[in-house]
C-alpha atoms as a PDB file:
ATOM      1  CA  MET A   1     108.369 113.444  54.384  1.00  0.00           C
ATOM      2  CA  ILE A   2     107.640 112.080  58.617  1.00  0.00           C
ATOM      3  CA  LYS A   3     106.195 108.977  58.847  1.00  0.00           C
ATOM      4  CA  HIS A   4     106.685 107.924  62.302  1.00  0.00           C
ATOM      5  CA  LEU A   5     106.829 110.059  66.032  1.00  0.00           C
ATOM      6  CA  ARG A   6     107.741 109.379  68.960  1.00  0.00           C
ATOM      7  CA  LEU A   7     107.208 112.211  71.492  1.00  0.00           C
ATOM      8  CA  LYS A   8     106.717 112.355  75.412  1.00  0.00           C
ATOM      9  CA  ALA A   9     103.562 114.541  77.418  1.00  0.00           C
ATOM     10  CA  TYR A  10     104.675 115.483  80.552  1.00  0.00           C
ATOM     11  CA  GLY A  11     102.685 115.608  82.704  1.00  0.00           C
ATOM     12  CA  LYS A  12     102.314 119.130  84.997  1.00  0.00           C
ATOM     13  CA  ILE A  13     101.700 119.805  88.782  1.00  0.00           C
ATOM     14  CA  ASN A  14     100.038 122.828  90.379  1.00  0.00           C
ATOM     15  CA  LEU A  15     102.781 124.796  93.107  1.00  0.00           C
ATOM     16  CA  GLY A  16      99.673 126.722  93.350  1.00  0.00           C
ATOM     17  CA  LEU A  17      96.162 126.868  92.714  1.00  0.00           C
ATOM     18  CA  ASP A  18      93.816 129.658  93.825  1.00  0.00           C
ATOM     19  CA  VAL A  19      90.122 130.489  92.063  1.00  0.00           C
ATOM     20  CA  ILE A  20      89.271 133.900  91.881  1.00  0.00           C
ATOM     21  CA  ARG A  21      85.606 134.079  90.762  1.00  0.00           C
ATOM     22  CA  ARG A  22      83.021 132.044  89.209  1.00  0.00           C
ATOM     23  CA  ARG A  23      82.024 133.201  85.992  1.00  0.00           C
ATOM     24  CA  PRO A  24      78.889 134.139  84.467  1.00  0.00           C
ATOM     25  CA  ASP A  25      79.498 131.537  81.288  1.00  0.00           C
ATOM     26  CA  GLY A  26      80.111 129.172  84.486  1.00  0.00           C
ATOM     27  CA  TYR A  27      83.689 128.752  83.642  1.00  0.00           C
ATOM     28  CA  HIS A  28      86.011 129.763  86.763  1.00  0.00           C
ATOM     29  CA  GLU A  29      88.509 132.221  86.539  1.00  0.00           C
ATOM     30  CA  VAL A  30      91.947 130.992  88.445  1.00  0.00           C
ATOM     31  CA  LYS A  31      95.452 131.999  89.035  1.00  0.00           C
ATOM     32  CA  MET A  32      97.597 128.849  89.022  1.00  0.00           C
ATOM     33  CA  ILE A  33     101.436 128.465  88.859  1.00  0.00           C
ATOM     34  CA  MET A  34     101.540 125.619  86.729  1.00  0.00           C
ATOM     35  CA  GLN A  35     105.063 123.567  86.518  1.00  0.00           C
ATOM     36  CA  THR A  36     105.925 120.218  84.377  1.00  0.00           C
ATOM     37  CA  VAL A  37     107.372 117.669  85.403  1.00  0.00           C
ATOM     38  CA  ARG A  38     109.386 114.077  84.696  1.00  0.00           C
ATOM     39  CA  LEU A  39     106.832 111.723  84.641  1.00  0.00           C
ATOM     40  CA  TYR A  40     105.203 111.414  80.907  1.00  0.00           C
ATOM     41  CA  ASP A  41     103.110 109.410  78.781  1.00  0.00           C
ATOM     42  CA  GLN A  42     104.404 108.023  75.400  1.00  0.00           C
ATOM     43  CA  ILE A  43     102.819 109.089  72.270  1.00  0.00           C
ATOM     44  CA  GLU A  44     103.626 106.828  69.694  1.00  0.00           C
ATOM     45  CA  MET A  45     101.832 108.727  65.883  1.00  0.00           C
ATOM     46  CA  THR A  46     102.681 106.705  61.873  1.00  0.00           C
ATOM     47  CA  ARG A  47     100.922 108.187  59.181  1.00  0.00           C
ATOM     48  CA  GLY A  48      99.463 105.980  56.569  1.00  0.00           C
ATOM     49  CA  GLY A  49      96.453 103.138  55.499  1.00  0.00           C
ATOM     50  CA  ALA A  50      92.957 103.843  54.997  1.00  0.00           C
ATOM     51  CA  PRO A  51      92.421 107.938  56.309  1.00  0.00           C
ATOM     52  CA  GLY A  52      90.478 107.996  59.266  1.00  0.00           C
ATOM     53  CA  ILE A  53      92.083 108.723  62.642  1.00  0.00           C
ATOM     54  CA  ARG A  54      92.928 105.460  64.703  1.00  0.00           C
ATOM     55  CA  LEU A  55      93.781 105.723  68.362  1.00  0.00           C
ATOM     56  CA  SER A  56      94.563 102.989  70.974  1.00  0.00           C
ATOM     57  CA  THR A  57      96.468 103.001  74.345  1.00  0.00           C
ATOM     58  CA  ASN A  58      97.781 101.235  77.005  1.00  0.00           C
ATOM     59  CA  LEU A  59      94.855 100.758  79.156  1.00  0.00           C
ATOM     60  CA  TYR A  60      91.584  98.778  78.490  1.00  0.00           C
ATOM     61  CA  TYR A  61      89.189 102.079  79.910  1.00  0.00           C
ATOM     62  CA  LEU A  62      90.250 104.916  78.126  1.00  0.00           C
ATOM     63  CA  PRO A  63      87.967 105.565  75.701  1.00  0.00           C
ATOM     64  CA  ASP A  64      89.287 105.143  71.814  1.00  0.00           C
ATOM     65  CA  ASN A  65      87.694 107.889  69.658  1.00  0.00           C
ATOM     66  CA  GLU A  66      86.551 110.897  69.671  1.00  0.00           C
ATOM     67  CA  ASN A  67      85.759 111.378  73.528  1.00  0.00           C
ATOM     68  CA  ASN A  68      89.995 110.740  73.655  1.00  0.00           C
ATOM     69  CA  LEU A  69      91.853 114.403  73.796  1.00  0.00           C
ATOM     70  CA  GLY A  70      94.271 113.150  71.739  1.00  0.00           C
ATOM     71  CA  TYR A  71      91.482 112.012  69.197  1.00  0.00           C
ATOM     72  CA  ARG A  72      90.293 114.705  69.082  1.00  0.00           C
ATOM     73  CA  ALA A  73      93.245 117.149  68.756  1.00  0.00           C
ATOM     74  CA  ALA A  74      94.391 114.965  66.171  1.00  0.00           C
ATOM     75  CA  ARG A  75      90.647 115.560  64.462  1.00  0.00           C
ATOM     76  CA  LEU A  76      91.208 119.426  65.031  1.00  0.00           C
ATOM     77  CA  LEU A  77      93.885 119.430  62.882  1.00  0.00           C
ATOM     78  CA  MET A  78      93.241 117.433  59.843  1.00  0.00           C
ATOM     79  CA  GLU A  79      89.325 118.619  59.963  1.00  0.00           C
ATOM     80  CA  GLU A  80      91.093 122.511  59.726  1.00  0.00           C
ATOM     81  CA  PHE A  81      93.682 121.413  57.178  1.00  0.00           C
ATOM     82  CA  GLY A  82      91.775 118.712  55.214  1.00  0.00           C
ATOM     83  CA  VAL A  83      94.739 116.450  55.509  1.00  0.00           C
ATOM     84  CA  GLN A  84      92.616 112.994  54.005  1.00  0.00           C
ATOM     85  CA  GLU A  85      96.136 110.318  54.906  1.00  0.00           C
ATOM     86  CA  GLY A  86      95.351 108.179  57.422  1.00  0.00           C
ATOM     87  CA  LEU A  87      97.302 108.494  61.331  1.00  0.00           C
ATOM     88  CA  SER A  88      97.428 105.969  63.833  1.00  0.00           C
ATOM     89  CA  ILE A  89      98.398 107.208  67.442  1.00  0.00           C
ATOM     90  CA  LYS A  90      99.522 104.946  70.078  1.00  0.00           C
ATOM     91  CA  ILE A  91      99.179 106.407  73.406  1.00  0.00           C
ATOM     92  CA  HIS A  92     101.413 104.366  76.284  1.00  0.00           C
ATOM     93  CA  LYS A  93      99.580 106.096  79.369  1.00  0.00           C
ATOM     94  CA  CYS A  94     102.253 106.661  82.962  1.00  0.00           C
ATOM     95  CA  ILE A  95     100.495 109.698  84.204  1.00  0.00           C
ATOM     96  CA  PRO A  96      98.072 109.060  86.467  1.00  0.00           C
ATOM     97  CA  VAL A  97      94.059 109.318  85.075  1.00  0.00           C
ATOM     98  CA  ALA A  98      92.126 111.831  86.920  1.00  0.00           C
ATOM     99  CA  ALA A  99      94.811 113.049  89.018  1.00  0.00           C
ATOM    100  CA  GLY A 100      94.953 116.491  88.547  1.00  0.00           C
ATOM    101  CA  MET A 101      98.294 116.215  86.556  1.00  0.00           C
ATOM    102  CA  ALA A 102      97.015 116.946  82.718  1.00  0.00           C
ATOM    103  CA  GLY A 103      98.013 113.658  81.784  1.00  0.00           C
ATOM    104  CA  GLY A 104      94.644 114.384  79.234  1.00  0.00           C
ATOM    105  CA  SER A 105      95.589 117.834  77.848  1.00  0.00           C
ATOM    106  CA  SER A 106      99.455 116.869  77.624  1.00  0.00           C
ATOM    107  CA  ASP A 107      98.823 114.247  75.354  1.00  0.00           C
ATOM    108  CA  ALA A 108      96.279 116.213  73.506  1.00  0.00           C
ATOM    109  CA  ALA A 109      99.251 118.682  73.127  1.00  0.00           C
ATOM    110  CA  ALA A 110     101.434 116.020  72.047  1.00  0.00           C
ATOM    111  CA  VAL A 111      99.554 115.200  69.316  1.00  0.00           C
ATOM    112  CA  LEU A 112      98.520 119.107  68.463  1.00  0.00           C
ATOM    113  CA  TYR A 113     102.131 119.189  67.967  1.00  0.00           C
ATOM    114  CA  GLY A 114     102.982 115.525  66.074  1.00  0.00           C
ATOM    115  CA  VAL A 115     100.427 116.088  63.410  1.00  0.00           C
ATOM    116  CA  ASN A 116     101.610 119.818  62.915  1.00  0.00           C
ATOM    117  CA  ARG A 117     104.966 118.169  62.231  1.00  0.00           C
ATOM    118  CA  MET A 118     104.117 115.081  60.650  1.00  0.00           C
ATOM    119  CA  PHE A 119     102.185 116.919  57.975  1.00  0.00           C
ATOM    120  CA  GLY A 120     104.152 120.641  57.337  1.00  0.00           C
ATOM    121  CA  LEU A 121     101.681 122.276  58.605  1.00  0.00           C
ATOM    122  CA  GLY A 122     103.506 124.837  58.987  1.00  0.00           C
ATOM    123  CA  LEU A 123     101.686 126.683  62.454  1.00  0.00           C
ATOM    124  CA  SER A 124     103.816 128.139  64.785  1.00  0.00           C
ATOM    125  CA  LEU A 125     104.075 126.891  68.789  1.00  0.00           C
ATOM    126  CA  GLY A 126     101.523 130.425  69.649  1.00  0.00           C
ATOM    127  CA  GLN A 127      98.956 128.608  66.813  1.00  0.00           C
ATOM    128  CA  LEU A 128      99.124 125.737  67.969  1.00  0.00           C
ATOM    129  CA  MET A 129      98.343 127.264  71.525  1.00  0.00           C
ATOM    130  CA  GLU A 130      94.891 129.419  70.149  1.00  0.00           C
ATOM    131  CA  ARG A 131      93.655 126.129  68.621  1.00  0.00           C
ATOM    132  CA  GLY A 132      94.692 124.130  71.753  1.00  0.00           C
ATOM    133  CA  VAL A 133      92.738 126.085  74.129  1.00  0.00           C
ATOM    134  CA  SER A 134      89.176 124.828  72.391  1.00  0.00           C
ATOM    135  CA  LEU A 135      90.539 121.614  73.728  1.00  0.00           C
ATOM    136  CA  GLY A 136      91.051 121.849  76.917  1.00  0.00           C
ATOM    137  CA  ALA A 137      92.054 125.064  78.882  1.00  0.00           C
ATOM    138  CA  ASP A 138      94.942 123.312  80.159  1.00  0.00           C
ATOM    139  CA  VAL A 139      96.250 122.082  76.828  1.00  0.00           C
ATOM    140  CA  PRO A 140      98.122 125.758  75.857  1.00  0.00           C
ATOM    141  CA  TYR A 141     100.079 125.499  78.723  1.00  0.00           C
ATOM    142  CA  CYS A 142     100.970 121.592  78.200  1.00  0.00           C
ATOM    143  CA  LEU A 143     101.817 122.708  75.021  1.00  0.00           C
ATOM    144  CA  MET A 144     104.716 125.321  76.621  1.00  0.00           C
ATOM    145  CA  ARG A 145     106.225 123.989  79.492  1.00  0.00           C
ATOM    146  CA  GLY A 146     108.358 124.692  82.345  1.00  0.00           C
ATOM    147  CA  THR A 147     107.147 127.121  84.797  1.00  0.00           C
ATOM    148  CA  ALA A 148     104.365 129.821  84.177  1.00  0.00           C
ATOM    149  CA  LEU A 149     101.734 131.729  85.768  1.00  0.00           C
ATOM    150  CA  SER A 150      98.020 130.810  84.667  1.00  0.00           C
ATOM    151  CA  GLU A 151      95.160 133.058  84.637  1.00  0.00           C
ATOM    152  CA  GLY A 152      92.114 133.828  82.979  1.00  0.00           C
ATOM    153  CA  ILE A 153      90.615 130.386  82.834  1.00  0.00           C
ATOM    154  CA  GLY A 154      94.087 128.967  82.306  1.00  0.00           C
ATOM    155  CA  GLU A 155      95.350 130.365  79.441  1.00  0.00           C
ATOM    156  CA  LYS A 156      96.459 133.530  79.766  1.00  0.00           C
ATOM    157  CA  LEU A 157      99.871 131.832  80.466  1.00  0.00           C
ATOM    158  CA  THR A 158     103.462 134.111  82.005  1.00  0.00           C
ATOM    159  CA  PRO A 159     106.316 132.577  81.184  1.00  0.00           C
ATOM    160  CA  LEU A 160     108.401 132.332  84.741  1.00  0.00           C
ATOM    161  CA  PRO A 161     112.170 131.217  85.391  1.00  0.00           C
ATOM    162  CA  PRO A 162     113.052 127.508  85.854  1.00  0.00           C
ATOM    163  CA  MET A 163     112.147 125.780  89.356  1.00  0.00           C
ATOM    164  CA  PRO A 164     115.217 125.395  91.157  1.00  0.00           C
ATOM    165  CA  GLN A 165     115.909 121.477  90.636  1.00  0.00           C
ATOM    166  CA  CYS A 166     114.610 119.396  93.646  1.00  0.00           C
ATOM    167  CA  ARG A 167     113.016 115.549  94.190  1.00  0.00           C
ATOM    168  CA  VAL A 168     109.681 116.084  93.675  1.00  0.00           C
ATOM    169  CA  LEU A 169     107.644 112.951  94.693  1.00  0.00           C
ATOM    170  CA  ILE A 170     104.698 112.172  93.326  1.00  0.00           C
ATOM    171  CA  ALA A 171     101.443 109.682  95.092  1.00  0.00           C
ATOM    172  CA  LYS A 172      98.013 108.868  93.664  1.00  0.00           C
ATOM    173  CA  PRO A 173      95.742 107.441  95.750  1.00  0.00           C
ATOM    174  CA  PRO A 174      93.441 104.470  94.598  1.00  0.00           C
ATOM    175  CA  VAL A 175      90.238 106.991  94.214  1.00  0.00           C
ATOM    176  CA  SER A 176      89.811 109.276  90.789  1.00  0.00           C
ATOM    177  CA  VAL A 177      88.146 112.566  90.514  1.00  0.00           C
ATOM    178  CA  SER A 178      85.858 114.920  88.534  1.00  0.00           C
ATOM    179  CA  THR A 179      87.062 118.447  87.525  1.00  0.00           C
ATOM    180  CA  ARG A 180      84.179 118.897  87.180  1.00  0.00           C
ATOM    181  CA  TRP A 181      82.245 118.014  90.292  1.00  0.00           C
ATOM    182  CA  VAL A 182      85.232 119.336  92.062  1.00  0.00           C
ATOM    183  CA  TYR A 183      85.009 123.202  91.038  1.00  0.00           C
ATOM    184  CA  GLU A 184      80.908 122.835  91.655  1.00  0.00           C
ATOM    185  CA  GLY A 185      81.807 121.822  94.622  1.00  0.00           C
ATOM    186  CA  LEU A 186      83.505 124.737  95.753  1.00  0.00           C
ATOM    187  CA  ASP A 187      82.135 127.910  97.798  1.00  0.00           C
ATOM    188  CA  LEU A 188      83.790 130.158  97.302  1.00  0.00           C
ATOM    189  CA  PRO A 189      81.628 133.097  99.523  1.00  0.00           C
ATOM    190  CA  SER A 190      82.200 130.749 102.504  1.00  0.00           C
ATOM    191  CA  LEU A 191      85.925 130.115 102.611  1.00  0.00           C
ATOM    192  CA  GLY A 192      88.140 133.118 104.660  1.00  0.00           C
ATOM    193  CA  PRO A 193      91.189 134.823 103.208  1.00  0.00           C
ATOM    194  CA  GLU A 194      93.499 131.247 104.269  1.00  0.00           C
ATOM    195  CA  ALA A 195      91.617 129.501 101.830  1.00  0.00           C
ATOM    196  CA  HIS A 196      93.801 131.691  99.108  1.00  0.00           C
ATOM    197  CA  PRO A 197      97.522 131.026  98.075  1.00  0.00           C
ATOM    198  CA  ASP A 198      99.720 133.693  98.101  1.00  0.00           C
ATOM    199  CA  ILE A 199      99.972 133.152  94.101  1.00  0.00           C
ATOM    200  CA  ASP A 200     102.287 136.462  94.360  1.00  0.00           C
ATOM    201  CA  GLY A 201     104.290 135.574  96.856  1.00  0.00           C
ATOM    202  CA  ILE A 202     104.672 132.034  94.859  1.00  0.00           C
ATOM    203  CA  ARG A 203     106.403 133.862  91.999  1.00  0.00           C
ATOM    204  CA  GLU A 204     108.518 136.199  93.961  1.00  0.00           C
ATOM    205  CA  ALA A 205     109.856 133.041  95.109  1.00  0.00           C
ATOM    206  CA  ILE A 206     110.081 131.293  91.998  1.00  0.00           C
ATOM    207  CA  GLU A 207     111.700 134.376  90.483  1.00  0.00           C
ATOM    208  CA  LYS A 208     114.753 134.408  93.096  1.00  0.00           C
ATOM    209  CA  GLY A 209     115.150 131.181  93.076  1.00  0.00           C
ATOM    210  CA  ASP A 210     114.571 130.535  96.336  1.00  0.00           C
ATOM    211  CA  LEU A 211     112.815 126.403  96.589  1.00  0.00           C
ATOM    212  CA  ARG A 212     111.944 127.173 100.516  1.00  0.00           C
ATOM    213  CA  GLY A 213     110.651 130.136  99.930  1.00  0.00           C
ATOM    214  CA  VAL A 214     108.268 128.237  97.189  1.00  0.00           C
ATOM    215  CA  SER A 215     107.834 125.840  99.535  1.00  0.00           C
ATOM    216  CA  SER A 216     107.021 128.159 102.198  1.00  0.00           C
ATOM    217  CA  ARG A 217     103.383 129.792 100.294  1.00  0.00           C
ATOM    218  CA  VAL A 218     102.334 126.500  98.341  1.00  0.00           C
ATOM    219  CA  GLY A 219      98.804 126.206  98.280  1.00  0.00           C
ATOM    220  CA  ASN A 220      95.641 124.865  96.401  1.00  0.00           C
ATOM    221  CA  ILE A 221      92.724 126.106  97.153  1.00  0.00           C
ATOM    222  CA  LEU A 222      90.775 123.295  95.690  1.00  0.00           C
ATOM    223  CA  GLU A 223      91.253 121.476  98.631  1.00  0.00           C
ATOM    224  CA  THR A 224      88.565 122.152 100.362  1.00  0.00           C
ATOM    225  CA  VAL A 225      86.263 120.510  97.985  1.00  0.00           C
ATOM    226  CA  THR A 226      88.356 116.856  97.643  1.00  0.00           C
ATOM    227  CA  ILE A 227      90.012 117.131 100.978  1.00  0.00           C
ATOM    228  CA  PRO A 228      86.848 116.146 103.286  1.00  0.00           C
ATOM    229  CA  ALA A 229      85.615 113.962 100.503  1.00  0.00           C
ATOM    230  CA  HIS A 230      89.096 112.015 100.183  1.00  0.00           C
ATOM    231  CA  PRO A 231      90.759 112.369 103.795  1.00  0.00           C
ATOM    232  CA  GLU A 232      93.697 110.026 102.580  1.00  0.00           C
ATOM    233  CA  ILE A 233      94.476 112.705 100.120  1.00  0.00           C
ATOM    234  CA  GLY A 234      95.607 114.640 103.727  1.00  0.00           C
ATOM    235  CA  VAL A 235      97.138 110.999 105.016  1.00  0.00           C
ATOM    236  CA  ILE A 236      98.939 111.135 101.946  1.00  0.00           C
ATOM    237  CA  LYS A 237     100.371 114.647 102.883  1.00  0.00           C
ATOM    238  CA  GLU A 238     101.489 114.644 106.240  1.00  0.00           C
ATOM    239  CA  LYS A 239     102.926 111.146 105.791  1.00  0.00           C
ATOM    240  CA  MET A 240     105.674 113.258 103.453  1.00  0.00           C
ATOM    241  CA  LYS A 241     105.746 115.612 105.410  1.00  0.00           C
ATOM    242  CA  GLU A 242     106.998 113.295 108.294  1.00  0.00           C
ATOM    243  CA  CYS A 243     109.180 112.309 106.009  1.00  0.00           C
ATOM    244  CA  GLY A 244     110.658 115.584 105.223  1.00  0.00           C
ATOM    245  CA  ALA A 245     109.032 116.990 102.475  1.00  0.00           C
ATOM    246  CA  LEU A 246     110.196 120.813 102.243  1.00  0.00           C
ATOM    247  CA  CYS A 247     106.263 121.367 101.547  1.00  0.00           C
ATOM    248  CA  SER A 248     103.240 118.247 100.377  1.00  0.00           C
ATOM    249  CA  LEU A 249     100.141 119.338  97.824  1.00  0.00           C
ATOM    250  CA  MET A 250      97.103 117.868  96.359  1.00  0.00           C
ATOM    251  CA  SER A 251      97.816 118.376  92.687  1.00  0.00           C
ATOM    252  CA  GLY A 252      95.026 120.573  90.394  1.00  0.00           C
ATOM    253  CA  SER A 253      91.495 119.247  91.333  1.00  0.00           C
ATOM    254  CA  GLY A 254      93.087 116.013  92.848  1.00  0.00           C
ATOM    255  CA  PRO A 255      93.707 113.055  93.925  1.00  0.00           C
ATOM    256  CA  THR A 256      96.977 113.551  93.416  1.00  0.00           C
ATOM    257  CA  VAL A 257      99.857 114.741  96.267  1.00  0.00           C
ATOM    258  CA  PHE A 258     102.912 115.931  95.272  1.00  0.00           C
ATOM    259  CA  GLY A 259     105.916 116.571  97.865  1.00  0.00           C
ATOM    260  CA  LEU A 260     108.590 119.040  97.242  1.00  0.00           C
ATOM    261  CA  PHE A 261     112.355 117.167  98.766  1.00  0.00           C
ATOM    262  CA  ALA A 262     115.332 118.804  98.941  1.00  0.00           C
ATOM    263  CA  ASN A 263     117.329 116.450 100.456  1.00  0.00           C
ATOM    264  CA  PRO A 264     117.385 113.296  97.466  1.00  0.00           C
ATOM    265  CA  ALA A 265     117.802 110.423 100.657  1.00  0.00           C
ATOM    266  CA  ALA A 266     114.562 111.410 102.351  1.00  0.00           C
ATOM    267  CA  ALA A 267     112.732 112.254  99.495  1.00  0.00           C
ATOM    268  CA  ARG A 268     113.521 108.389  98.261  1.00  0.00           C
ATOM    269  CA  LYS A 269     112.695 107.017 101.819  1.00  0.00           C
ATOM    270  CA  ALA A 270     108.903 108.569 101.522  1.00  0.00           C
ATOM    271  CA  TYR A 271     109.495 106.604  98.243  1.00  0.00           C
ATOM    272  CA  GLY A 272     110.015 103.360  99.913  1.00  0.00           C
ATOM    273  CA  GLU A 273     107.241 104.356 102.922  1.00  0.00           C
ATOM    274  CA  LEU A 274     104.549 105.443 100.218  1.00  0.00           C
ATOM    275  CA  ARG A 275     105.972 102.352  97.966  1.00  0.00           C
ATOM    276  CA  PHE A 276     106.791  99.447 100.369  1.00  0.00           C
ATOM    277  CA  GLY A 277     106.052 100.406 103.148  1.00  0.00           C
ATOM    278  CA  SER A 278     103.845 101.762 105.916  1.00  0.00           C
ATOM    279  CA  GLY A 279     102.093 103.464 103.534  1.00  0.00           C
ATOM    280  CA  SER A 280     101.685 101.518 100.904  1.00  0.00           C
ATOM    281  CA  GLY A 281      98.372 101.238 101.139  1.00  0.00           C
ATOM    282  CA  LEU A 282      97.304 104.593 101.255  1.00  0.00           C
ATOM    283  CA  ALA A 283      98.620 104.589  97.192  1.00  0.00           C
ATOM    284  CA  ARG A 284      98.173 103.549  94.495  1.00  0.00           C
ATOM    285  CA  GLN A 285     100.768 104.939  92.353  1.00  0.00           C
ATOM    286  CA  VAL A 286     103.890 106.744  93.658  1.00  0.00           C
ATOM    287  CA  TYR A 287     106.634 108.236  91.209  1.00  0.00           C
ATOM    288  CA  LEU A 288     109.717 109.223  92.315  1.00  0.00           C
ATOM    289  CA  THR A 289     110.975 112.695  89.849  1.00  0.00           C
ATOM    290  CA  GLY A 290     112.539 116.287  89.610  1.00  0.00           C
ATOM    291  CA  PHE A 291     111.188 119.081  87.745  1.00  0.00           C
ATOM    292  CA  TYR A 292     111.071 119.243  83.752  1.00  0.00           C
ATOM    293  CA  ASN A 293     111.701 123.059  82.810  1.00  0.00           C
ATOM    294  CA  ARG A 294     112.694 122.425  78.975  1.00  0.00           C
ATOM    295  CA  ARG A 295     110.233 124.769  76.820  1.00  0.00           C
ATOM    296  CA  GLY A 296     107.991 123.388  73.783  1.00  0.00           C
ATOM    297  CA  ASN A 297     108.689 119.899  72.213  1.00  0.00           C
END
């Protein structure tokens, strides 16, 4: 019997994000290249005690009830399988919040995995992914991890070969962005073809192991909404390029920006500029990391 688990909930970036259309049900059909990075929240789970779910985080402003995706993930499986035993969940956040890196979805994915394992529910990864989509479109991907093509509303996943390793610089400006607000502000009919990234080209470059080919094609159509409202995102992108990034891009609906560096020294210089130097006022959180390509937990 497993009484205690410690898990890592990894964040993601979007190497490419395109929106194809708005569906009649209000959801947007997307086409994205997703990539897990080595920046993670720590999840600690303990079974026992009074029946019910008890959740806490290291950030006072995050919910500790059903408004937290991790709580809802635990409740989803425990109610379905009639688990009566108590469960305590502690989430130590490191992934920036409301930042376009799927932090909440990754926490939910880790909790789904943990509940399944702790209580011996016997669900496969695919079965967990099927349940995860009811919590959020990114949850199935956060269960699968690695490099993937994501379609539909984000739940149709095609595994891709691992991205070639490089240094990844992540910087979040001191603003938060609502994903709903960004998608509601996206005016697809007014955008020309140049606003749509070459997702197929990115995929082909990944399949060839061509880091520079990927870097020359990255794009995110949601920048057309978020950057005009928060121009500091564009300034961070340019700062990374000035420091030698092969490319820089906003992840998801933002406001987090990432840069890919083939040169580790240039990556360290860019980190120093944004963390301590002339660009230190632009970003509240800065991390230098890499890709995480292992599938599953």
